Amino acid sequence: MSVEKTEEKKEEKHTEEKKLRYEIVEEKRNEFFDRLEVKFIIHHELQPTPTREEVRKYFEALYNKPEGTVYVVKILSETGKGASHGLVHIYNSKDSADKYEAKHIILRNFPELKEGEQTG
């Protein structure tokens, strides 16, 4: 009986994940910084705000970009609303991202880099 309950919970979680809906509000090409700036809304009714990692991976897949070229700059949620809005920077290359993206944004998107600095 407990096995069935576990399976039911997994199905519910899978169903809830499908309720995430991304909406691109604006795409702006910034030639100076060699990046695409994307404003978005995520509809996530009855679910917590998606993590930076989830959002970053979604945009990496959507724009077919390798890891290290997409950075979630911000995600803002309002209490009582099932939606969040934010901004993503999508660079043409990892070199451009390393050159132009703020270090604190890089660390927020890849917290393991900060841990590596402390131990190394």
N, C-alpha and C. Protein backbone atom coordinates (compact mmCIF):
# COMPACT_ATOMS: atom_id res chain seq x y z
N MET A 1 0.81 -1.19 0.00
CA MET A 1 0.00 0.00 0.00
C MET A 1 0.86 1.26 0.00
N SER A 2 1.96 1.25 0.73
CA SER A 2 2.84 2.42 0.75
C SER A 2 3.54 2.60 -0.59
N VAL A 3 3.78 1.50 -1.30
CA VAL A 3 4.40 1.59 -2.62
C VAL A 3 3.47 2.32 -3.57
N GLU A 4 2.18 2.01 -3.51
CA GLU A 4 1.21 2.67 -4.38
C GLU A 4 1.15 4.16 -4.10
N LYS A 5 1.20 4.54 -2.83
CA LYS A 5 1.15 5.96 -2.47
C LYS A 5 2.37 6.69 -3.03
N THR A 6 3.53 6.05 -2.96
CA THR A 6 4.74 6.66 -3.50
C THR A 6 4.60 6.88 -5.00
N GLU A 7 4.07 5.89 -5.70
CA GLU A 7 3.89 6.02 -7.14
C GLU A 7 2.90 7.13 -7.46
N GLU A 8 1.84 7.25 -6.66
CA GLU A 8 0.86 8.31 -6.88
C GLU A 8 1.52 9.68 -6.72
N LYS A 9 2.36 9.83 -5.71
CA LYS A 9 3.03 11.10 -5.48
C LYS A 9 3.94 11.45 -6.65
N LYS A 10 4.64 10.46 -7.19
CA LYS A 10 5.50 10.71 -8.34
C LYS A 10 4.68 11.19 -9.53
N GLU A 11 3.52 10.56 -9.75
CA GLU A 11 2.67 10.96 -10.87
C GLU A 11 2.16 12.39 -10.68
N GLU A 12 1.77 12.74 -9.45
CA GLU A 12 1.30 14.09 -9.17
C GLU A 12 2.40 15.10 -9.46
N LYS A 13 3.62 14.80 -9.03
CA LYS A 13 4.73 15.72 -9.25
C LYS A 13 4.97 15.90 -10.74
N HIS A 14 4.93 14.80 -11.49
CA HIS A 14 5.14 14.86 -12.93
C HIS A 14 4.06 15.71 -13.59
N THR A 15 2.83 15.55 -13.15
CA THR A 15 1.72 16.33 -13.70
C THR A 15 1.90 17.80 -13.38
N GLU A 16 2.32 18.12 -12.16
CA GLU A 16 2.52 19.51 -11.77
C GLU A 16 3.62 20.16 -12.60
N GLU A 17 4.67 19.41 -12.92
CA GLU A 17 5.77 19.96 -13.71
C GLU A 17 5.28 20.40 -15.09
N LYS A 18 4.30 19.72 -15.62
CA LYS A 18 3.77 20.06 -16.94
C LYS A 18 3.01 21.38 -16.93
N LYS A 19 2.61 21.84 -15.74
CA LYS A 19 1.84 23.08 -15.65
C LYS A 19 2.70 24.33 -15.80
N LEU A 20 4.01 24.20 -15.78
CA LEU A 20 4.89 25.36 -16.01
C LEU A 20 4.73 25.82 -17.45
N ARG A 21 4.51 27.12 -17.61
CA ARG A 21 4.38 27.65 -18.96
C ARG A 21 5.24 28.91 -19.05
N TYR A 22 6.16 28.91 -20.00
CA TYR A 22 7.05 30.04 -20.20
C TYR A 22 6.49 30.93 -21.31
N GLU A 23 6.56 32.22 -21.10
CA GLU A 23 6.11 33.18 -22.09
C GLU A 23 7.22 34.21 -22.29
N ILE A 24 7.67 34.35 -23.52
CA ILE A 24 8.71 35.33 -23.82
C ILE A 24 8.03 36.67 -24.11
N VAL A 25 8.37 37.67 -23.32
CA VAL A 25 7.75 38.98 -23.43
C VAL A 25 8.52 39.86 -24.41
N GLU A 26 9.85 39.79 -24.35
CA GLU A 26 10.67 40.65 -25.20
C GLU A 26 12.04 40.02 -25.42
N GLU A 27 12.52 40.10 -26.65
CA GLU A 27 13.89 39.70 -26.99
C GLU A 27 14.59 40.93 -27.54
N LYS A 28 15.73 41.25 -26.97
CA LYS A 28 16.47 42.43 -27.43
C LYS A 28 17.93 42.04 -27.66
N ARG A 29 18.41 42.31 -28.85
CA ARG A 29 19.80 42.03 -29.20
C ARG A 29 20.67 43.17 -28.72
N ASN A 30 21.69 42.87 -27.92
CA ASN A 30 22.62 43.88 -27.42
C ASN A 30 23.98 43.56 -28.03
N GLU A 31 24.28 44.23 -29.13
CA GLU A 31 25.52 43.97 -29.87
C GLU A 31 26.76 44.36 -29.07
N PHE A 32 26.64 45.41 -28.27
CA PHE A 32 27.79 45.86 -27.50
C PHE A 32 28.31 44.76 -26.57
N PHE A 33 27.38 44.06 -25.90
CA PHE A 33 27.76 42.99 -24.98
C PHE A 33 27.70 41.60 -25.62
N ASP A 34 27.41 41.54 -26.92
CA ASP A 34 27.38 40.28 -27.66
C ASP A 34 26.41 39.28 -27.01
N ARG A 35 25.17 39.76 -26.73
CA ARG A 35 24.20 38.88 -26.07
C ARG A 35 22.78 39.22 -26.50
N LEU A 36 21.90 38.27 -26.24
CA LEU A 36 20.47 38.44 -26.40
C LEU A 36 19.88 38.58 -25.00
N GLU A 37 19.08 39.62 -24.78
CA GLU A 37 18.46 39.84 -23.48
C GLU A 37 16.98 39.47 -23.61
N VAL A 38 16.55 38.49 -22.82
CA VAL A 38 15.19 37.96 -22.94
C VAL A 38 14.43 38.21 -21.65
N LYS A 39 13.31 38.94 -21.78
CA LYS A 39 12.39 39.12 -20.65
C LYS A 39 11.32 38.05 -20.78
N PHE A 40 10.95 37.44 -19.65
CA PHE A 40 10.02 36.32 -19.70
C PHE A 40 9.06 36.34 -18.52
N ILE A 41 7.99 35.56 -18.67
CA ILE A 41 7.05 35.29 -17.59
C ILE A 41 6.92 33.78 -17.49
N ILE A 42 6.97 33.26 -16.28
CA ILE A 42 6.74 31.83 -16.04
C ILE A 42 5.44 31.72 -15.27
N HIS A 43 4.49 30.98 -15.84
CA HIS A 43 3.22 30.71 -15.16
C HIS A 43 3.38 29.40 -14.41
N HIS A 44 3.28 29.45 -13.08
CA HIS A 44 3.50 28.26 -12.25
C HIS A 44 2.45 28.18 -11.14
N GLU A 45 1.19 28.15 -11.53
CA GLU A 45 0.10 28.12 -10.58
C GLU A 45 0.25 26.95 -9.62
N LEU A 46 0.03 27.23 -8.33
CA LEU A 46 0.07 26.23 -7.26
C LEU A 46 1.42 25.53 -7.12
N GLN A 47 2.47 26.17 -7.59
CA GLN A 47 3.82 25.61 -7.49
C GLN A 47 4.78 26.69 -7.03
N PRO A 48 5.90 26.29 -6.45
CA PRO A 48 6.90 27.29 -6.06
C PRO A 48 7.56 27.91 -7.31
N THR A 49 8.19 29.03 -7.11
CA THR A 49 8.94 29.67 -8.19
C THR A 49 10.05 28.74 -8.64
N PRO A 50 10.20 28.52 -9.95
CA PRO A 50 11.29 27.66 -10.43
C PRO A 50 12.65 28.22 -10.02
N THR A 51 13.61 27.34 -9.84
CA THR A 51 14.96 27.76 -9.45
C THR A 51 15.68 28.37 -10.65
N ARG A 52 16.76 29.09 -10.36
CA ARG A 52 17.58 29.65 -11.44
C ARG A 52 18.08 28.53 -12.36
N GLU A 53 18.47 27.42 -11.75
CA GLU A 53 18.99 26.30 -12.55
C GLU A 53 17.93 25.78 -13.51
N GLU A 54 16.70 25.61 -13.05
CA GLU A 54 15.62 25.13 -13.92
C GLU A 54 15.36 26.10 -15.06
N VAL A 55 15.33 27.38 -14.75
CA VAL A 55 15.08 28.39 -15.78
C VAL A 55 16.24 28.44 -16.76
N ARG A 56 17.47 28.41 -16.25
CA ARG A 56 18.65 28.45 -17.11
C ARG A 56 18.66 27.26 -18.07
N LYS A 57 18.39 26.07 -17.55
CA LYS A 57 18.40 24.87 -18.41
C LYS A 57 17.29 24.93 -19.45
N TYR A 58 16.15 25.49 -19.09
CA TYR A 58 15.06 25.65 -20.06
C TYR A 58 15.52 26.52 -21.23
N PHE A 59 16.13 27.66 -20.92
CA PHE A 59 16.56 28.58 -21.98
C PHE A 59 17.77 28.03 -22.75
N GLU A 60 18.64 27.27 -22.10
CA GLU A 60 19.74 26.61 -22.84
C GLU A 60 19.17 25.68 -23.89
N ALA A 61 18.15 24.92 -23.52
CA ALA A 61 17.53 23.99 -24.47
C ALA A 61 16.75 24.74 -25.55
N LEU A 62 16.00 25.77 -25.15
CA LEU A 62 15.18 26.52 -26.10
C LEU A 62 16.03 27.19 -27.18
N TYR A 63 17.15 27.77 -26.79
CA TYR A 63 18.02 28.49 -27.73
C TYR A 63 19.20 27.65 -28.20
N ASN A 64 19.24 26.39 -27.80
CA ASN A 64 20.29 25.46 -28.22
C ASN A 64 21.68 26.03 -27.92
N LYS A 65 21.89 26.41 -26.66
CA LYS A 65 23.16 27.00 -26.23
C LYS A 65 23.84 26.09 -25.22
N PRO A 66 25.17 26.05 -25.22
CA PRO A 66 25.89 25.22 -24.23
C PRO A 66 25.88 25.87 -22.85
N GLU A 67 26.15 25.06 -21.84
CA GLU A 67 26.23 25.57 -20.46
C GLU A 67 27.32 26.63 -20.38
N GLY A 68 27.05 27.67 -19.62
CA GLY A 68 28.03 28.74 -19.47
C GLY A 68 27.79 29.92 -20.39
N THR A 69 26.74 29.85 -21.22
CA THR A 69 26.41 30.97 -22.11
C THR A 69 25.06 31.59 -21.77
N VAL A 70 24.30 30.97 -20.86
CA VAL A 70 22.98 31.48 -20.47
C VAL A 70 22.99 31.78 -18.97
N TYR A 71 22.57 32.99 -18.62
CA TYR A 71 22.55 33.41 -17.21
C TYR A 71 21.21 34.03 -16.85
N VAL A 72 20.62 33.55 -15.76
CA VAL A 72 19.39 34.14 -15.24
C VAL A 72 19.81 35.33 -14.38
N VAL A 73 19.44 36.51 -14.81
CA VAL A 73 19.83 37.72 -14.09
C VAL A 73 18.88 37.96 -12.92
N LYS A 74 17.58 37.76 -13.15
CA LYS A 74 16.63 37.93 -12.05
C LYS A 74 15.35 37.15 -12.31
N ILE A 75 14.70 36.76 -11.22
CA ILE A 75 13.37 36.17 -11.23
C ILE A 75 12.61 36.85 -10.10
N LEU A 76 11.50 37.47 -10.42
CA LEU A 76 10.70 38.17 -9.41
C LEU A 76 9.32 37.55 -9.33
N SER A 77 8.86 37.28 -8.12
CA SER A 77 7.53 36.73 -7.89
C SER A 77 6.73 37.68 -7.01
N GLU A 78 5.43 37.70 -7.24
CA GLU A 78 4.55 38.49 -6.40
C GLU A 78 3.69 37.54 -5.58
N THR A 79 3.49 37.88 -4.31
CA THR A 79 2.70 37.05 -3.43
C THR A 79 1.28 36.90 -3.97
N GLY A 80 0.79 35.67 -3.97
CA GLY A 80 -0.58 35.40 -4.39
C GLY A 80 -0.77 35.21 -5.87
N LYS A 81 0.25 35.46 -6.65
CA LYS A 81 0.15 35.26 -8.10
C LYS A 81 0.92 34.01 -8.47
N GLY A 82 0.40 33.28 -9.39
CA GLY A 82 1.06 32.06 -9.84
C GLY A 82 1.97 32.31 -11.01
N ALA A 83 2.66 33.43 -11.00
CA ALA A 83 3.56 33.76 -12.10
C ALA A 83 4.76 34.54 -11.58
N SER A 84 5.85 34.41 -12.29
CA SER A 84 7.08 35.16 -11.99
C SER A 84 7.58 35.74 -13.29
N HIS A 85 8.25 36.88 -13.21
CA HIS A 85 8.86 37.44 -14.40
C HIS A 85 10.35 37.64 -14.15
N GLY A 86 11.09 37.67 -15.24
CA GLY A 86 12.53 37.78 -15.06
C GLY A 86 13.26 38.15 -16.33
N LEU A 87 14.58 38.05 -16.23
CA LEU A 87 15.48 38.44 -17.31
C LEU A 87 16.59 37.41 -17.44
N VAL A 88 16.87 37.02 -18.68
CA VAL A 88 17.94 36.07 -18.98
C VAL A 88 18.88 36.72 -20.00
N HIS A 89 20.19 36.54 -19.80
CA HIS A 89 21.19 36.96 -20.79
C HIS A 89 21.69 35.71 -21.50
N ILE A 90 21.65 35.73 -22.83
CA ILE A 90 22.11 34.60 -23.64
C ILE A 90 23.25 35.10 -24.52
N TYR A 91 24.44 34.59 -24.24
CA TYR A 91 25.65 35.04 -24.96
C TYR A 91 25.94 34.13 -26.15
N ASN A 92 26.65 34.69 -27.14
CA ASN A 92 27.05 33.91 -28.30
C ASN A 92 28.17 32.94 -27.97
N SER A 93 28.99 33.27 -26.97
CA SER A 93 30.10 32.39 -26.60
C SER A 93 30.37 32.49 -25.11
N LYS A 94 31.03 31.48 -24.58
CA LYS A 94 31.40 31.48 -23.16
C LYS A 94 32.41 32.59 -22.87
N ASP A 95 33.29 32.87 -23.82
CA ASP A 95 34.26 33.96 -23.65
C ASP A 95 33.57 35.31 -23.45
N SER A 96 32.53 35.57 -24.25
CA SER A 96 31.77 36.82 -24.10
C SER A 96 31.08 36.86 -22.74
N ALA A 97 30.52 35.74 -22.32
CA ALA A 97 29.85 35.68 -21.02
C ALA A 97 30.84 35.96 -19.89
N ASP A 98 32.01 35.34 -19.95
CA ASP A 98 33.02 35.55 -18.92
C ASP A 98 33.51 37.00 -18.89
N LYS A 99 33.55 37.61 -20.06
CA LYS A 99 34.06 38.97 -20.17
C LYS A 99 33.04 40.01 -19.67
N TYR A 100 31.75 39.80 -19.99
CA TYR A 100 30.76 40.84 -19.73
C TYR A 100 29.79 40.59 -18.57
N GLU A 101 29.54 39.35 -18.22
CA GLU A 101 28.55 39.09 -17.17
C GLU A 101 29.14 39.39 -15.80
N ALA A 102 28.34 40.00 -14.93
CA ALA A 102 28.79 40.35 -13.58
C ALA A 102 29.11 39.07 -12.80
N LYS A 103 30.18 39.13 -12.03
CA LYS A 103 30.65 37.94 -11.29
C LYS A 103 29.61 37.41 -10.33
N HIS A 104 28.84 38.31 -9.66
CA HIS A 104 27.84 37.83 -8.72
C HIS A 104 26.69 37.09 -9.43
N ILE A 105 26.40 37.46 -10.66
CA ILE A 105 25.38 36.75 -11.44
C ILE A 105 25.90 35.38 -11.84
N ILE A 106 27.16 35.29 -12.22
CA ILE A 106 27.76 34.00 -12.56
C ILE A 106 27.71 33.07 -11.35
N LEU A 107 28.05 33.59 -10.17
CA LEU A 107 28.04 32.76 -8.95
C LEU A 107 26.62 32.36 -8.55
N ARG A 108 25.64 33.20 -8.80
CA ARG A 108 24.25 32.83 -8.50
C ARG A 108 23.77 31.71 -9.41
N ASN A 109 24.24 31.71 -10.65
CA ASN A 109 23.83 30.69 -11.60
C ASN A 109 24.62 29.39 -11.44
N PHE A 110 25.85 29.51 -10.96
CA PHE A 110 26.71 28.34 -10.75
C PHE A 110 27.32 28.41 -9.36
N PRO A 111 26.54 28.13 -8.30
CA PRO A 111 27.05 28.25 -6.93
C PRO A 111 28.22 27.31 -6.64
N GLU A 112 28.34 26.24 -7.41
CA GLU A 112 29.46 25.32 -7.20
C GLU A 112 30.81 25.98 -7.48
N LEU A 113 30.83 27.04 -8.29
CA LEU A 113 32.08 27.77 -8.54
C LEU A 113 32.56 28.45 -7.27
N LYS A 114 31.65 28.99 -6.49
CA LYS A 114 32.01 29.65 -5.24
C LYS A 114 32.55 28.64 -4.24
N GLU A 115 31.92 27.47 -4.17
CA GLU A 115 32.38 26.41 -3.26
C GLU A 115 33.78 25.96 -3.66
N GLY A 116 34.05 25.88 -4.96
CA GLY A 116 35.36 25.47 -5.44
C GLY A 116 36.44 26.47 -5.07
N GLU A 117 36.10 27.76 -5.07
CA GLU A 117 37.07 28.80 -4.70
C GLU A 117 37.43 28.70 -3.23
N GLN A 118 36.45 28.39 -2.38
CA GLN A 118 36.69 28.33 -0.94
C GLN A 118 37.58 27.15 -0.57
N THR A 119 37.38 26.01 -1.25
CA THR A 119 38.17 24.83 -0.92
C THR A 119 39.51 24.83 -1.63
N GLY A 120 39.62 25.54 -2.74
CA GLY A 120 40.83 25.48 -3.54
C GLY A 120 41.76 26.52 -3.28
